[in-house]
Amino acid sequence: MKASPDARYRYTINDVLESSIQDGLILFKEEAKIRAILELLVEIGLGYLKMGQSLTTLSGGEGQRLKLAKELMKKGNKSTLYLLDEPTTGLHPNDVNQLLKLLNRLVDAGNTVICVEHNSQFIKAVDWIIDLGPEGGEAGGQVIAEGTPAEVAKNTNSYTGQYF
């Protein structure tokens, strides 16, 4: 990035918008509020995005993490219930890991997260499973197993538990 001709500013607006979120940590190292937001985005694996990147160019996983990060930045003492339906659909395994980190932060902040999910990588990382079945549609809807992933894995009636 080149320095601005105006001595009061080191970078132009274009320089900032074209920089990555990771580089933004350097640009805004003295701005605590901005830095906190950028640090969260880097932590959840979005540090490579450009500061001025259009939301319409984000993948589904990137957009989802960005929305959840916004929730984490909210101040207040209210806890929130988040209901997510298949949040890993279309995500790369690395993006699933980043999503899990973000959801864990939401839980650590006092919120509750409930997900309908079939991704075994995701299911292995949760606190509690309610396994419905034994099949789908009219042949489903019964609680087959519930508990921690280790407990569900021991249940011989659980199709989900067979994948742990």
Protein backbone atom coordinates (compact mmCIF):
# COMPACT_ATOMS: atom_id res chain seq x y z
CA MET A 1 0.00 0.00 0.00
CA LYS A 2 1.22 3.47 -0.78
CA ALA A 3 1.07 6.42 1.56
CA SER A 4 -1.50 9.14 1.00
CA PRO A 5 -0.27 12.55 -0.21
CA ASP A 6 -2.06 14.03 2.82
CA ALA A 7 0.41 13.66 5.70
CA ARG A 8 -2.41 13.07 8.22
CA TYR A 9 -3.32 9.71 6.68
CA ARG A 10 -1.03 6.84 5.80
CA TYR A 11 -3.41 5.10 3.40
CA THR A 12 -6.12 5.99 0.94
CA ILE A 13 -9.68 4.68 1.26
CA ASN A 14 -8.98 2.46 -1.73
CA ASP A 15 -5.89 1.04 0.00
CA VAL A 16 -8.02 0.11 3.01
CA LEU A 17 -10.84 -1.41 0.95
CA GLU A 18 -8.41 -3.50 -1.10
CA SER A 19 -6.52 -4.80 1.96
CA SER A 20 -7.37 -8.12 3.57
CA ILE A 21 -9.02 -8.30 6.96
CA GLN A 22 -5.72 -9.77 8.25
CA ASP A 23 -3.84 -6.70 6.94
CA GLY A 24 -6.53 -4.51 8.48
CA LEU A 25 -5.25 -5.60 11.90
CA ILE A 26 -2.06 -3.68 11.14
CA LEU A 27 -3.85 -0.70 9.64
CA PHE A 28 -6.18 -0.35 12.63
CA LYS A 29 -3.86 -1.50 15.42
CA GLU A 30 -4.58 1.69 17.42
CA GLU A 31 -8.39 1.46 17.01
CA ALA A 32 -9.62 -0.93 19.72
CA LYS A 33 -13.23 -1.29 18.51
CA ILE A 34 -12.26 -1.93 14.89
CA ARG A 35 -9.42 -4.24 15.90
CA ALA A 36 -11.75 -6.38 18.05
CA ILE A 37 -14.05 -6.95 15.08
CA LEU A 38 -11.18 -7.76 12.74
CA GLU A 39 -9.61 -10.15 15.27
CA LEU A 40 -12.89 -12.07 15.51
CA LEU A 41 -13.11 -12.32 11.72
CA VAL A 42 -9.54 -13.62 11.54
CA GLU A 43 -10.24 -16.10 14.35
CA ILE A 44 -13.20 -17.61 12.49
CA GLY A 45 -11.17 -18.01 9.31
CA LEU A 46 -12.24 -14.95 7.31
CA GLY A 47 -8.95 -13.03 7.48
CA TYR A 48 -8.33 -13.53 3.77
CA LEU A 49 -11.44 -11.56 2.71
CA LYS A 50 -10.95 -8.01 1.45
CA MET A 51 -12.14 -5.20 3.69
CA GLY A 52 -14.30 -3.83 0.87
CA GLN A 53 -15.47 -7.16 -0.53
CA SER A 54 -19.09 -7.20 -1.64
CA LEU A 55 -21.37 -9.48 0.36
CA THR A 56 -22.76 -10.90 -2.88
CA THR A 57 -19.36 -12.48 -3.62
CA LEU A 58 -19.23 -14.51 -0.38
CA SER A 59 -19.85 -18.23 -0.30
CA GLY A 60 -22.70 -19.57 1.80
CA GLY A 61 -20.28 -20.61 4.55
CA GLU A 62 -18.54 -17.24 4.58
CA GLY A 63 -21.84 -15.40 4.74
CA GLN A 64 -23.10 -17.64 7.52
CA ARG A 65 -19.96 -17.10 9.62
CA LEU A 66 -20.15 -13.37 9.04
CA LYS A 67 -23.76 -13.26 10.29
CA LEU A 68 -22.90 -15.33 13.36
CA ALA A 69 -19.84 -13.16 14.07
CA LYS A 70 -22.16 -10.15 14.03
CA GLU A 71 -24.25 -11.88 16.68
CA LEU A 72 -21.16 -12.40 18.82
CA MET A 73 -20.35 -8.69 18.65
CA LYS A 74 -23.72 -7.72 20.10
CA LYS A 75 -23.52 -6.35 23.61
CA GLY A 76 -26.04 -7.12 26.29
CA ASN A 77 -26.87 -9.71 28.88
CA LYS A 78 -29.68 -11.48 27.03
CA SER A 79 -29.06 -15.02 25.94
CA THR A 80 -30.36 -16.07 22.56
CA LEU A 81 -31.61 -19.38 21.17
CA TYR A 82 -30.16 -20.11 17.72
CA LEU A 83 -31.91 -22.74 15.59
CA LEU A 84 -29.85 -23.81 12.59
CA ASP A 85 -30.99 -26.20 9.86
CA GLU A 86 -28.13 -28.06 8.18
CA PRO A 87 -25.56 -25.25 8.72
CA THR A 88 -22.74 -27.27 7.13
CA THR A 89 -24.46 -27.82 3.76
CA GLY A 90 -21.95 -27.04 1.01
CA LEU A 91 -19.12 -26.23 3.41
CA HIS A 92 -15.54 -27.42 3.01
CA PRO A 93 -14.30 -29.42 6.04
CA ASN A 94 -12.08 -26.48 7.05
CA ASP A 95 -15.13 -24.20 6.99
CA VAL A 96 -16.98 -26.70 9.19
CA ASN A 97 -14.18 -26.37 11.77
CA GLN A 98 -14.43 -22.58 11.65
CA LEU A 99 -18.21 -22.76 12.04
CA LEU A 100 -17.80 -25.03 15.07
CA LYS A 101 -15.41 -22.52 16.68
CA LEU A 102 -17.92 -19.76 16.13
CA LEU A 103 -20.85 -21.76 17.51
CA ASN A 104 -18.78 -22.70 20.56
CA ARG A 105 -18.12 -19.01 21.18
CA LEU A 106 -21.85 -18.32 21.01
CA VAL A 107 -22.45 -21.05 23.60
CA ASP A 108 -19.58 -19.79 25.78
CA ALA A 109 -21.25 -16.36 25.72
CA GLY A 110 -24.36 -17.88 27.33
CA ASN A 111 -26.42 -18.63 24.24
CA THR A 112 -28.07 -21.92 23.23
CA VAL A 113 -27.48 -23.43 19.79
CA ILE A 114 -29.68 -26.20 18.37
CA CYS A 115 -28.81 -27.67 14.99
CA VAL A 116 -30.47 -30.16 12.69
CA GLU A 117 -27.43 -31.75 11.08
CA HIS A 118 -26.22 -34.88 9.28
CA ASN A 119 -22.52 -34.04 8.95
CA SER A 120 -20.58 -36.54 11.09
CA GLN A 121 -17.61 -34.16 11.51
CA PHE A 122 -20.00 -31.63 13.01
CA ILE A 123 -21.99 -34.13 15.10
CA LYS A 124 -18.84 -35.54 16.72
CA ALA A 125 -18.04 -32.07 18.09
CA VAL A 126 -21.37 -31.25 19.75
CA ASP A 127 -22.26 -31.43 23.44
CA TRP A 128 -25.52 -33.36 23.09
CA ILE A 129 -27.20 -35.41 20.36
CA ILE A 130 -30.85 -36.32 19.93
CA ASP A 131 -30.84 -39.02 17.26
CA LEU A 132 -34.21 -39.38 15.53
CA GLY A 133 -35.21 -42.31 13.37
CA PRO A 134 -35.11 -45.14 12.76
CA GLU A 135 -35.51 -43.92 9.15
CA GLY A 136 -36.72 -40.69 7.57
CA GLY A 137 -40.20 -39.44 6.75
CA GLU A 138 -43.09 -41.55 8.07
CA ALA A 139 -40.63 -44.21 9.24
CA GLY A 140 -38.86 -41.68 11.48
CA GLY A 141 -39.51 -39.23 14.24
CA GLN A 142 -38.78 -41.51 17.19
CA VAL A 143 -35.97 -40.75 19.64
CA ILE A 144 -33.48 -43.56 19.00
CA ALA A 145 -30.65 -42.28 21.17
CA GLU A 146 -29.63 -39.20 23.09
CA GLY A 147 -26.57 -38.12 24.97
CA THR A 148 -23.00 -37.15 24.34
CA PRO A 149 -21.38 -38.37 21.11
CA ALA A 150 -19.62 -41.11 23.13
CA GLU A 151 -22.91 -42.27 24.63
CA VAL A 152 -24.70 -42.29 21.28
CA ALA A 153 -21.81 -44.23 19.74
CA LYS A 154 -22.43 -47.03 22.27
CA ASN A 155 -26.13 -47.27 21.37
CA THR A 156 -26.50 -50.14 18.89
CA ASN A 157 -29.88 -48.79 17.70
CA SER A 158 -28.37 -45.52 16.53
CA TYR A 159 -27.41 -45.20 12.89
CA THR A 160 -25.67 -41.93 13.76
CA GLY A 161 -23.63 -43.58 16.49
CA GLN A 162 -22.16 -46.06 13.97
CA TYR A 163 -20.16 -43.20 12.38
CA PHE A 164 -18.20 -42.28 15.53
